[in-house]
Amino acid sequence: AEIICYLGGCTFGIYLIHAFFRDILHRAGFDSMFINN
């Protein structure tokens, strides 16, 4: 329960910063089409 609540407390930050990593990975070729499936 403590781990779940800690992760839950991180979601606000994850929401804010995930767009940055999404773009970085996309520019590196790692996106929804990095494999055929």
PDB file of all heavy atoms in Angstrom:
ATOM      1  N   ALA A   1       0.831  -1.205   0.000  1.00  0.00           N
ATOM      2  CA  ALA A   1       0.000   0.000   0.000  1.00  0.00           C
ATOM      3  C   ALA A   1       0.865   1.254   0.000  1.00  0.00           C
ATOM      4  O   ALA A   1       0.556   2.244  -0.684  1.00  0.00           O
ATOM      5  CB  ALA A   1      -0.921  -0.003   1.215  1.00  0.00           C
ATOM      6  N   GLU A   2       1.957   1.212   0.733  1.00  0.00           N
ATOM      7  CA  GLU A   2       2.868   2.357   0.791  1.00  0.00           C
ATOM      8  C   GLU A   2       3.502   2.605  -0.577  1.00  0.00           C
ATOM      9  O   GLU A   2       3.625   3.757  -1.011  1.00  0.00           O
ATOM     10  CB  GLU A   2       3.953   2.103   1.834  1.00  0.00           C
ATOM     11  CG  GLU A   2       4.850   3.292   2.089  1.00  0.00           C
ATOM     12  CD  GLU A   2       5.824   3.058   3.224  1.00  0.00           C
ATOM     13  OE1 GLU A   2       5.697   2.032   3.922  1.00  0.00           O
ATOM     14  OE2 GLU A   2       6.706   3.914   3.411  1.00  0.00           O
ATOM     15  N   ILE A   3       3.883   1.528  -1.274  1.00  0.00           N
ATOM     16  CA  ILE A   3       4.477   1.669  -2.607  1.00  0.00           C
ATOM     17  C   ILE A   3       3.455   2.236  -3.589  1.00  0.00           C
ATOM     18  O   ILE A   3       3.764   3.141  -4.379  1.00  0.00           O
ATOM     19  CB  ILE A   3       5.004   0.309  -3.112  1.00  0.00           C
ATOM     20  CG1 ILE A   3       6.189  -0.157  -2.251  1.00  0.00           C
ATOM     21  CG2 ILE A   3       5.415   0.391  -4.579  1.00  0.00           C
ATOM     22  CD1 ILE A   3       6.649  -1.571  -2.543  1.00  0.00           C
ATOM     23  N   ILE A   4       2.228   1.713  -3.543  1.00  0.00           N
ATOM     24  CA  ILE A   4       1.168   2.181  -4.436  1.00  0.00           C
ATOM     25  C   ILE A   4       0.900   3.663  -4.209  1.00  0.00           C
ATOM     26  O   ILE A   4       0.786   4.445  -5.161  1.00  0.00           O
ATOM     27  CB  ILE A   4      -0.121   1.359  -4.220  1.00  0.00           C
ATOM     28  CG1 ILE A   4       0.069  -0.072  -4.725  1.00  0.00           C
ATOM     29  CG2 ILE A   4      -1.311   2.017  -4.931  1.00  0.00           C
ATOM     30  CD1 ILE A   4      -1.049  -1.018  -4.325  1.00  0.00           C
ATOM     31  N   CYS A   5       0.825   4.055  -2.952  1.00  0.00           N
ATOM     32  CA  CYS A   5       0.541   5.454  -2.630  1.00  0.00           C
ATOM     33  C   CYS A   5       1.698   6.369  -3.043  1.00  0.00           C
ATOM     34  O   CYS A   5       1.474   7.508  -3.471  1.00  0.00           O
ATOM     35  CB  CYS A   5       0.236   5.601  -1.143  1.00  0.00           C
ATOM     36  SG  CYS A   5      -1.320   4.820  -0.652  1.00  0.00           S
ATOM     37  N   TYR A   6       2.915   5.864  -2.929  1.00  0.00           N
ATOM     38  CA  TYR A   6       4.063   6.653  -3.366  1.00  0.00           C
ATOM     39  C   TYR A   6       4.011   6.868  -4.880  1.00  0.00           C
ATOM     40  O   TYR A   6       4.207   7.987  -5.378  1.00  0.00           O
ATOM     41  CB  TYR A   6       5.374   5.955  -2.988  1.00  0.00           C
ATOM     42  CG  TYR A   6       6.605   6.703  -3.456  1.00  0.00           C
ATOM     43  CD1 TYR A   6       7.100   7.786  -2.724  1.00  0.00           C
ATOM     44  CD2 TYR A   6       7.254   6.342  -4.634  1.00  0.00           C
ATOM     45  CE1 TYR A   6       8.216   8.491  -3.167  1.00  0.00           C
ATOM     46  CE2 TYR A   6       8.370   7.038  -5.077  1.00  0.00           C
ATOM     47  CZ  TYR A   6       8.849   8.114  -4.330  1.00  0.00           C
ATOM     48  OH  TYR A   6       9.950   8.810  -4.776  1.00  0.00           O
ATOM     49  N   LEU A   7       3.730   5.794  -5.617  1.00  0.00           N
ATOM     50  CA  LEU A   7       3.624   5.906  -7.072  1.00  0.00           C
ATOM     51  C   LEU A   7       2.468   6.826  -7.462  1.00  0.00           C
ATOM     52  O   LEU A   7       2.585   7.611  -8.406  1.00  0.00           O
ATOM     53  CB  LEU A   7       3.431   4.526  -7.694  1.00  0.00           C
ATOM     54  CG  LEU A   7       4.625   3.564  -7.599  1.00  0.00           C
ATOM     55  CD1 LEU A   7       4.260   2.205  -8.163  1.00  0.00           C
ATOM     56  CD2 LEU A   7       5.839   4.131  -8.338  1.00  0.00           C
ATOM     57  N   GLY A   8       1.365   6.714  -6.735  1.00  0.00           N
ATOM     58  CA  GLY A   8       0.241   7.601  -6.988  1.00  0.00           C
ATOM     59  C   GLY A   8       0.620   9.058  -6.797  1.00  0.00           C
ATOM     60  O   GLY A   8       0.189   9.941  -7.543  1.00  0.00           O
ATOM     61  N   GLY A   9       1.456   9.311  -5.789  1.00  0.00           N
ATOM     62  CA  GLY A   9       1.918  10.665  -5.539  1.00  0.00           C
ATOM     63  C   GLY A   9       2.867  11.198  -6.600  1.00  0.00           C
ATOM     64  O   GLY A   9       3.098  12.404  -6.684  1.00  0.00           O
ATOM     65  N   CYS A  10       3.409  10.299  -7.418  1.00  0.00           N
ATOM     66  CA  CYS A  10       4.326  10.700  -8.496  1.00  0.00           C
ATOM     67  C   CYS A  10       3.603  11.017  -9.804  1.00  0.00           C
ATOM     68  O   CYS A  10       4.223  11.530 -10.746  1.00  0.00           O
ATOM     69  CB  CYS A  10       5.356   9.598  -8.753  1.00  0.00           C
ATOM     70  SG  CYS A  10       6.548   9.352  -7.421  1.00  0.00           S
ATOM     71  N   THR A  11       2.320  10.697  -9.887  1.00  0.00           N
ATOM     72  CA  THR A  11       1.624  10.793 -11.174  1.00  0.00           C
ATOM     73  C   THR A  11       1.494  12.223 -11.685  1.00  0.00           C
ATOM     74  O   THR A  11       1.499  12.452 -12.895  1.00  0.00           O
ATOM     75  CB  THR A  11       0.227  10.152 -11.094  1.00  0.00           C
ATOM     76  OG1 THR A  11      -0.507  10.734 -10.000  1.00  0.00           O
ATOM     77  CG2 THR A  11       0.331   8.649 -10.878  1.00  0.00           C
ATOM     78  N   PHE A  12       1.372  13.192 -10.772  1.00  0.00           N
ATOM     79  CA  PHE A  12       1.287  14.589 -11.203  1.00  0.00           C
ATOM     80  C   PHE A  12       2.560  14.971 -11.954  1.00  0.00           C
ATOM     81  O   PHE A  12       2.511  15.545 -13.047  1.00  0.00           O
ATOM     82  CB  PHE A  12       1.084  15.497  -9.990  1.00  0.00           C
ATOM     83  CG  PHE A  12       0.945  16.960 -10.333  1.00  0.00           C
ATOM     84  CD1 PHE A  12      -0.113  17.412 -11.101  1.00  0.00           C
ATOM     85  CD2 PHE A  12       1.879  17.889  -9.881  1.00  0.00           C
ATOM     86  CE1 PHE A  12      -0.251  18.769 -11.417  1.00  0.00           C
ATOM     87  CE2 PHE A  12       1.756  19.239 -10.186  1.00  0.00           C
ATOM     88  CZ  PHE A  12       0.694  19.683 -10.956  1.00  0.00           C
ATOM     89  N   GLY A  13       3.700  14.628 -11.386  1.00  0.00           N
ATOM     90  CA  GLY A  13       4.972  14.912 -12.040  1.00  0.00           C
ATOM     91  C   GLY A  13       5.146  14.137 -13.330  1.00  0.00           C
ATOM     92  O   GLY A  13       5.663  14.666 -14.328  1.00  0.00           O
ATOM     93  N   ILE A  14       4.720  12.872 -13.339  1.00  0.00           N
ATOM     94  CA  ILE A  14       4.811  12.057 -14.555  1.00  0.00           C
ATOM     95  C   ILE A  14       3.995  12.689 -15.675  1.00  0.00           C
ATOM     96  O   ILE A  14       4.448  12.775 -16.824  1.00  0.00           O
ATOM     97  CB  ILE A  14       4.332  10.617 -14.285  1.00  0.00           C
ATOM     98  CG1 ILE A  14       5.289   9.912 -13.327  1.00  0.00           C
ATOM     99  CG2 ILE A  14       4.211   9.824 -15.591  1.00  0.00           C
ATOM    100  CD1 ILE A  14       4.789   8.565 -12.842  1.00  0.00           C
ATOM    101  N   TYR A  15       2.801  13.136 -15.332  1.00  0.00           N
ATOM    102  CA  TYR A  15       1.945  13.791 -16.318  1.00  0.00           C
ATOM    103  C   TYR A  15       2.644  15.014 -16.912  1.00  0.00           C
ATOM    104  O   TYR A  15       2.624  15.240 -18.133  1.00  0.00           O
ATOM    105  CB  TYR A  15       0.624  14.218 -15.673  1.00  0.00           C
ATOM    106  CG  TYR A  15      -0.320  14.913 -16.624  1.00  0.00           C
ATOM    107  CD1 TYR A  15      -1.211  14.204 -17.407  1.00  0.00           C
ATOM    108  CD2 TYR A  15      -0.304  16.307 -16.744  1.00  0.00           C
ATOM    109  CE1 TYR A  15      -2.068  14.854 -18.293  1.00  0.00           C
ATOM    110  CE2 TYR A  15      -1.149  16.966 -17.633  1.00  0.00           C
ATOM    111  CZ  TYR A  15      -2.032  16.237 -18.391  1.00  0.00           C
ATOM    112  OH  TYR A  15      -2.872  16.874 -19.273  1.00  0.00           O
ATOM    113  N   LEU A  16       3.289  15.796 -16.060  1.00  0.00           N
ATOM    114  CA  LEU A  16       3.911  17.035 -16.519  1.00  0.00           C
ATOM    115  C   LEU A  16       5.131  16.792 -17.407  1.00  0.00           C
ATOM    116  O   LEU A  16       5.337  17.494 -18.387  1.00  0.00           O
ATOM    117  CB  LEU A  16       4.320  17.878 -15.308  1.00  0.00           C
ATOM    118  CG  LEU A  16       3.166  18.397 -14.437  1.00  0.00           C
ATOM    119  CD1 LEU A  16       3.706  19.058 -13.176  1.00  0.00           C
ATOM    120  CD2 LEU A  16       2.299  19.371 -15.223  1.00  0.00           C
ATOM    121  N   ILE A  17       5.930  15.790 -17.067  1.00  0.00           N
ATOM    122  CA  ILE A  17       7.221  15.611 -17.748  1.00  0.00           C
ATOM    123  C   ILE A  17       7.182  14.576 -18.868  1.00  0.00           C
ATOM    124  O   ILE A  17       8.086  14.518 -19.692  1.00  0.00           O
ATOM    125  CB  ILE A  17       8.304  15.228 -16.712  1.00  0.00           C
ATOM    126  CG1 ILE A  17       9.706  15.582 -17.242  1.00  0.00           C
ATOM    127  CG2 ILE A  17       8.215  13.749 -16.326  1.00  0.00           C
ATOM    128  CD1 ILE A  17      10.807  15.441 -16.207  1.00  0.00           C
ATOM    129  N   HIS A  18       6.120  13.781 -18.943  1.00  0.00           N
ATOM    130  CA  HIS A  18       6.138  12.667 -19.904  1.00  0.00           C
ATOM    131  C   HIS A  18       6.202  13.150 -21.354  1.00  0.00           C
ATOM    132  O   HIS A  18       6.751  12.468 -22.221  1.00  0.00           O
ATOM    133  CB  HIS A  18       4.913  11.762 -19.702  1.00  0.00           C
ATOM    134  CG  HIS A  18       3.673  12.256 -20.394  1.00  0.00           C
ATOM    135  ND1 HIS A  18       2.820  13.179 -19.836  1.00  0.00           N
ATOM    136  CD2 HIS A  18       3.139  11.945 -21.606  1.00  0.00           C
ATOM    137  CE1 HIS A  18       1.822  13.428 -20.671  1.00  0.00           C
ATOM    138  NE2 HIS A  18       1.991  12.693 -21.748  1.00  0.00           N
ATOM    139  N   ALA A  19       5.651  14.332 -21.633  1.00  0.00           N
ATOM    140  CA  ALA A  19       5.677  14.843 -23.010  1.00  0.00           C
ATOM    141  C   ALA A  19       7.107  15.093 -23.479  1.00  0.00           C
ATOM    142  O   ALA A  19       7.414  14.958 -24.675  1.00  0.00           O
ATOM    143  CB  ALA A  19       4.858  16.132 -23.099  1.00  0.00           C
ATOM    144  N   PHE A  20       7.985  15.469 -22.554  1.00  0.00           N
ATOM    145  CA  PHE A  20       9.393  15.693 -22.884  1.00  0.00           C
ATOM    146  C   PHE A  20      10.053  14.385 -23.319  1.00  0.00           C
ATOM    147  O   PHE A  20      10.694  14.319 -24.370  1.00  0.00           O
ATOM    148  CB  PHE A  20      10.115  16.285 -21.672  1.00  0.00           C
ATOM    149  CG  PHE A  20      11.611  16.351 -21.814  1.00  0.00           C
ATOM    150  CD1 PHE A  20      12.204  17.245 -22.692  1.00  0.00           C
ATOM    151  CD2 PHE A  20      12.428  15.514 -21.064  1.00  0.00           C
ATOM    152  CE1 PHE A  20      13.590  17.313 -22.824  1.00  0.00           C
ATOM    153  CE2 PHE A  20      13.799  15.569 -21.187  1.00  0.00           C
ATOM    154  CZ  PHE A  20      14.387  16.465 -22.069  1.00  0.00           C
ATOM    155  N   PHE A  21       9.873  13.335 -22.537  1.00  0.00           N
ATOM    156  CA  PHE A  21      10.480  12.052 -22.880  1.00  0.00           C
ATOM    157  C   PHE A  21       9.821  11.439 -24.113  1.00  0.00           C
ATOM    158  O   PHE A  21      10.487  10.760 -24.909  1.00  0.00           O
ATOM    159  CB  PHE A  21      10.413  11.103 -21.685  1.00  0.00           C
ATOM    160  CG  PHE A  21      11.328  11.495 -20.568  1.00  0.00           C
ATOM    161  CD1 PHE A  21      10.830  12.034 -19.396  1.00  0.00           C
ATOM    162  CD2 PHE A  21      12.702  11.356 -20.692  1.00  0.00           C
ATOM    163  CE1 PHE A  21      11.680  12.421 -18.370  1.00  0.00           C
ATOM    164  CE2 PHE A  21      13.556  11.735 -19.679  1.00  0.00           C
ATOM    165  CZ  PHE A  21      13.049  12.276 -18.508  1.00  0.00           C
ATOM    166  N   ARG A  22       8.542  11.679 -24.272  1.00  0.00           N
ATOM    167  CA  ARG A  22       7.855  11.205 -25.480  1.00  0.00           C
ATOM    168  C   ARG A  22       8.507  11.794 -26.714  1.00  0.00           C
ATOM    169  O   ARG A  22       8.761  11.085 -27.707  1.00  0.00           O
ATOM    170  CB  ARG A  22       6.381  11.610 -25.420  1.00  0.00           C
ATOM    171  CG  ARG A  22       5.586  11.435 -26.716  1.00  0.00           C
ATOM    172  CD  ARG A  22       4.186  11.996 -26.498  1.00  0.00           C
ATOM    173  NE  ARG A  22       3.364  11.936 -27.691  1.00  0.00           N
ATOM    174  CZ  ARG A  22       3.256  12.918 -28.587  1.00  0.00           C
ATOM    175  NH1 ARG A  22       3.957  14.034 -28.448  1.00  0.00           N
ATOM    176  NH2 ARG A  22       2.461  12.790 -29.629  1.00  0.00           N
ATOM    177  N   ASP A  23       8.810  13.091 -26.682  1.00  0.00           N
ATOM    178  CA  ASP A  23       9.411  13.743 -27.846  1.00  0.00           C
ATOM    179  C   ASP A  23      10.856  13.318 -28.043  1.00  0.00           C
ATOM    180  O   ASP A  23      11.292  13.086 -29.175  1.00  0.00           O
ATOM    181  CB  ASP A  23       9.338  15.263 -27.682  1.00  0.00           C
ATOM    182  CG  ASP A  23       9.661  15.988 -28.973  1.00  0.00           C
ATOM    183  OD1 ASP A  23       8.859  15.897 -29.915  1.00  0.00           O
ATOM    184  OD2 ASP A  23      10.732  16.618 -29.049  1.00  0.00           O
ATOM    185  N   ILE A  24      11.593  13.204 -26.944  1.00  0.00           N
ATOM    186  CA  ILE A  24      12.993  12.776 -27.033  1.00  0.00           C
ATOM    187  C   ILE A  24      13.087  11.381 -27.656  1.00  0.00           C
ATOM    188  O   ILE A  24      13.891  11.127 -28.572  1.00  0.00           O
ATOM    189  CB  ILE A  24      13.658  12.768 -25.639  1.00  0.00           C
ATOM    190  CG1 ILE A  24      13.839  14.199 -25.117  1.00  0.00           C
ATOM    191  CG2 ILE A  24      15.002  12.041 -25.675  1.00  0.00           C
ATOM    192  CD1 ILE A  24      14.850  15.011 -25.867  1.00  0.00           C
ATOM    193  N   LEU A  25      12.274  10.457 -27.172  1.00  0.00           N
ATOM    194  CA  LEU A  25      12.280   9.095 -27.699  1.00  0.00           C
ATOM    195  C   LEU A  25      11.813   9.057 -29.145  1.00  0.00           C
ATOM    196  O   LEU A  25      12.352   8.306 -29.976  1.00  0.00           O
ATOM    197  CB  LEU A  25      11.389   8.198 -26.824  1.00  0.00           C
ATOM    198  CG  LEU A  25      11.915   7.940 -25.407  1.00  0.00           C
ATOM    199  CD1 LEU A  25      10.844   7.253 -24.559  1.00  0.00           C
ATOM    200  CD2 LEU A  25      13.179   7.083 -25.448  1.00  0.00           C
ATOM    201  N   HIS A  26      10.824   9.864 -29.457  1.00  0.00           N
ATOM    202  CA  HIS A  26      10.327   9.934 -30.837  1.00  0.00           C
ATOM    203  C   HIS A  26      11.424  10.391 -31.791  1.00  0.00           C
ATOM    204  O   HIS A  26      11.596   9.842 -32.889  1.00  0.00           O
ATOM    205  CB  HIS A  26       9.138  10.893 -30.896  1.00  0.00           C
ATOM    206  CG  HIS A  26       8.639  11.168 -32.275  1.00  0.00           C
ATOM    207  ND1 HIS A  26       8.058  10.204 -33.066  1.00  0.00           N
ATOM    208  CD2 HIS A  26       8.637  12.306 -33.024  1.00  0.00           C
ATOM    209  CE1 HIS A  26       7.719  10.725 -34.237  1.00  0.00           C
ATOM    210  NE2 HIS A  26       8.061  12.000 -34.229  1.00  0.00           N
ATOM    211  N   ARG A  27      12.192  11.392 -31.398  1.00  0.00           N
ATOM    212  CA  ARG A  27      13.279  11.902 -32.230  1.00  0.00           C
ATOM    213  C   ARG A  27      14.399  10.881 -32.377  1.00  0.00           C
ATOM    214  O   ARG A  27      15.156  10.916 -33.355  1.00  0.00           O
ATOM    215  CB  ARG A  27      13.810  13.212 -31.643  1.00  0.00           C
ATOM    216  CG  ARG A  27      12.838  14.356 -31.747  1.00  0.00           C
ATOM    217  CD  ARG A  27      13.329  15.632 -31.076  1.00  0.00           C
ATOM    218  NE  ARG A  27      12.336  16.672 -31.183  1.00  0.00           N
ATOM    219  CZ  ARG A  27      12.152  17.448 -32.257  1.00  0.00           C
ATOM    220  NH1 ARG A  27      12.956  17.296 -33.299  1.00  0.00           N
ATOM    221  NH2 ARG A  27      11.201  18.346 -32.286  1.00  0.00           N
ATOM    222  N   ALA A  28      14.479   9.965 -31.397  1.00  0.00           N
ATOM    223  CA  ALA A  28      15.489   8.904 -31.469  1.00  0.00           C
ATOM    224  C   ALA A  28      14.991   7.693 -32.252  1.00  0.00           C
ATOM    225  O   ALA A  28      15.696   6.691 -32.384  1.00  0.00           O
ATOM    226  CB  ALA A  28      15.904   8.488 -30.064  1.00  0.00           C
ATOM    227  N   GLY A  29      13.752   7.777 -32.756  1.00  0.00           N
ATOM    228  CA  GLY A  29      13.194   6.684 -33.546  1.00  0.00           C
ATOM    229  C   GLY A  29      12.436   5.652 -32.745  1.00  0.00           C
ATOM    230  O   GLY A  29      11.998   4.629 -33.287  1.00  0.00           O
ATOM    231  N   PHE A  30      12.258   5.915 -31.452  1.00  0.00           N
ATOM    232  CA  PHE A  30      11.542   4.962 -30.598  1.00  0.00           C
ATOM    233  C   PHE A  30      10.135   5.492 -30.356  1.00  0.00           C
ATOM    234  O   PHE A  30       9.871   6.244 -29.423  1.00  0.00           O
ATOM    235  CB  PHE A  30      12.287   4.774 -29.271  1.00  0.00           C
ATOM    236  CG  PHE A  30      11.718   3.687 -28.397  1.00  0.00           C
ATOM    237  CD1 PHE A  30      11.916   2.346 -28.706  1.00  0.00           C
ATOM    238  CD2 PHE A  30      10.976   3.993 -27.267  1.00  0.00           C
ATOM    239  CE1 PHE A  30      11.396   1.340 -27.914  1.00  0.00           C
ATOM    240  CE2 PHE A  30      10.450   2.995 -26.453  1.00  0.00           C
ATOM    241  CZ  PHE A  30      10.658   1.669 -26.780  1.00  0.00           C
ATOM    242  N   ASP A  31       9.217   5.107 -31.225  1.00  0.00           N
ATOM    243  CA  ASP A  31       7.836   5.556 -31.092  1.00  0.00           C
ATOM    244  C   ASP A  31       6.896   4.419 -31.472  1.00  0.00           C
ATOM    245  O   ASP A  31       7.312   3.255 -31.534  1.00  0.00           O
ATOM    246  CB  ASP A  31       7.577   6.804 -31.940  1.00  0.00           C
ATOM    247  CG  ASP A  31       7.853   6.586 -33.422  1.00  0.00           C
ATOM    248  OD1 ASP A  31       7.868   5.423 -33.874  1.00  0.00           O
ATOM    249  OD2 ASP A  31       8.050   7.588 -34.138  1.00  0.00           O
ATOM    250  N   SER A  32       5.644   4.731 -31.708  1.00  0.00           N
ATOM    251  CA  SER A  32       4.633   3.702 -31.938  1.00  0.00           C
ATOM    252  C   SER A  32       4.846   2.901 -33.214  1.00  0.00           C
ATOM    253  O   SER A  32       4.127   1.926 -33.463  1.00  0.00           O
ATOM    254  CB  SER A  32       3.234   4.339 -31.977  1.00  0.00           C
ATOM    255  OG  SER A  32       3.160   5.320 -32.998  1.00  0.00           O
ATOM    256  N   MET A  33       5.848   3.280 -34.015  1.00  0.00           N
ATOM    257  CA  MET A  33       6.146   2.539 -35.241  1.00  0.00           C
ATOM    258  C   MET A  33       7.586   2.019 -35.242  1.00  0.00           C
ATOM    259  O   MET A  33       8.149   1.747 -36.301  1.00  0.00           O
ATOM    260  CB  MET A  33       5.902   3.432 -36.468  1.00  0.00           C
ATOM    261  CG  MET A  33       4.440   3.783 -36.693  1.00  0.00           C
ATOM    262  SD  MET A  33       4.166   4.828 -38.150  1.00  0.00           S
ATOM    263  CE  MET A  33       4.633   3.712 -39.478  1.00  0.00           C
ATOM    264  N   PHE A  34       8.161   1.864 -34.036  1.00  0.00           N
ATOM    265  CA  PHE A  34       9.547   1.396 -33.997  1.00  0.00           C
ATOM    266  C   PHE A  34       9.664  -0.079 -34.401  1.00  0.00           C
ATOM    267  O   PHE A  34      10.742  -0.549 -34.752  1.00  0.00           O
ATOM    268  CB  PHE A  34      10.167   1.646 -32.615  1.00  0.00           C
ATOM    269  CG  PHE A  34       9.861   0.593 -31.577  1.00  0.00           C
ATOM    270  CD1 PHE A  34      10.775  -0.423 -31.296  1.00  0.00           C
ATOM    271  CD2 PHE A  34       8.673   0.630 -30.864  1.00  0.00           C
ATOM    272  CE1 PHE A  34      10.503  -1.383 -30.332  1.00  0.00           C
ATOM    273  CE2 PHE A  34       8.389  -0.320 -29.899  1.00  0.00           C
ATOM    274  CZ  PHE A  34       9.309  -1.343 -29.637  1.00  0.00           C
ATOM    275  N   ILE A  35       8.548  -0.805 -34.330  1.00  0.00           N
ATOM    276  CA  ILE A  35       8.479  -2.149 -34.883  1.00  0.00           C
ATOM    277  C   ILE A  35       7.220  -2.246 -35.732  1.00  0.00           C
ATOM    278  O   ILE A  35       6.325  -1.394 -35.632  1.00  0.00           O
ATOM    279  CB  ILE A  35       8.457  -3.250 -33.785  1.00  0.00           C
ATOM    280  CG1 ILE A  35       7.271  -3.026 -32.833  1.00  0.00           C
ATOM    281  CG2 ILE A  35       9.771  -3.283 -33.033  1.00  0.00           C
ATOM    282  CD1 ILE A  35       7.124  -4.143 -31.807  1.00  0.00           C
ATOM    283  N   ASN A  36       7.115  -3.270 -36.549  1.00  0.00           N
ATOM    284  CA  ASN A  36       5.965  -3.399 -37.449  1.00  0.00           C
ATOM    285  C   ASN A  36       4.655  -3.655 -36.711  1.00  0.00           C
ATOM    286  O   ASN A  36       3.588  -3.273 -37.179  1.00  0.00           O
ATOM    287  CB  ASN A  36       6.211  -4.525 -38.458  1.00  0.00           C
ATOM    288  CG  ASN A  36       7.314  -4.182 -39.434  1.00  0.00           C
ATOM    289  OD1 ASN A  36       7.518  -3.011 -39.749  1.00  0.00           O
ATOM    290  ND2 ASN A  36       8.038  -5.193 -39.915  1.00  0.00           N
ATOM    291  N   ASN A  37       4.736  -4.319 -35.549  1.00  0.00           N
ATOM    292  CA  ASN A  37       3.527  -4.653 -34.808  1.00  0.00           C
ATOM    293  C   ASN A  37       3.153  -3.502 -33.872  1.00  0.00           C
ATOM    294  O   ASN A  37       3.658  -3.394 -32.749  1.00  0.00           O
ATOM    295  CB  ASN A  37       3.750  -5.939 -34.001  1.00  0.00           C
ATOM    296  CG  ASN A  37       2.446  -6.498 -33.454  1.00  0.00           C
ATOM    297  OD1 ASN A  37       1.485  -5.761 -33.225  1.00  0.00           O
ATOM    298  ND2 ASN A  37       2.412  -7.809 -33.249  1.00  0.00           N
TER     299      ASN A  37
END
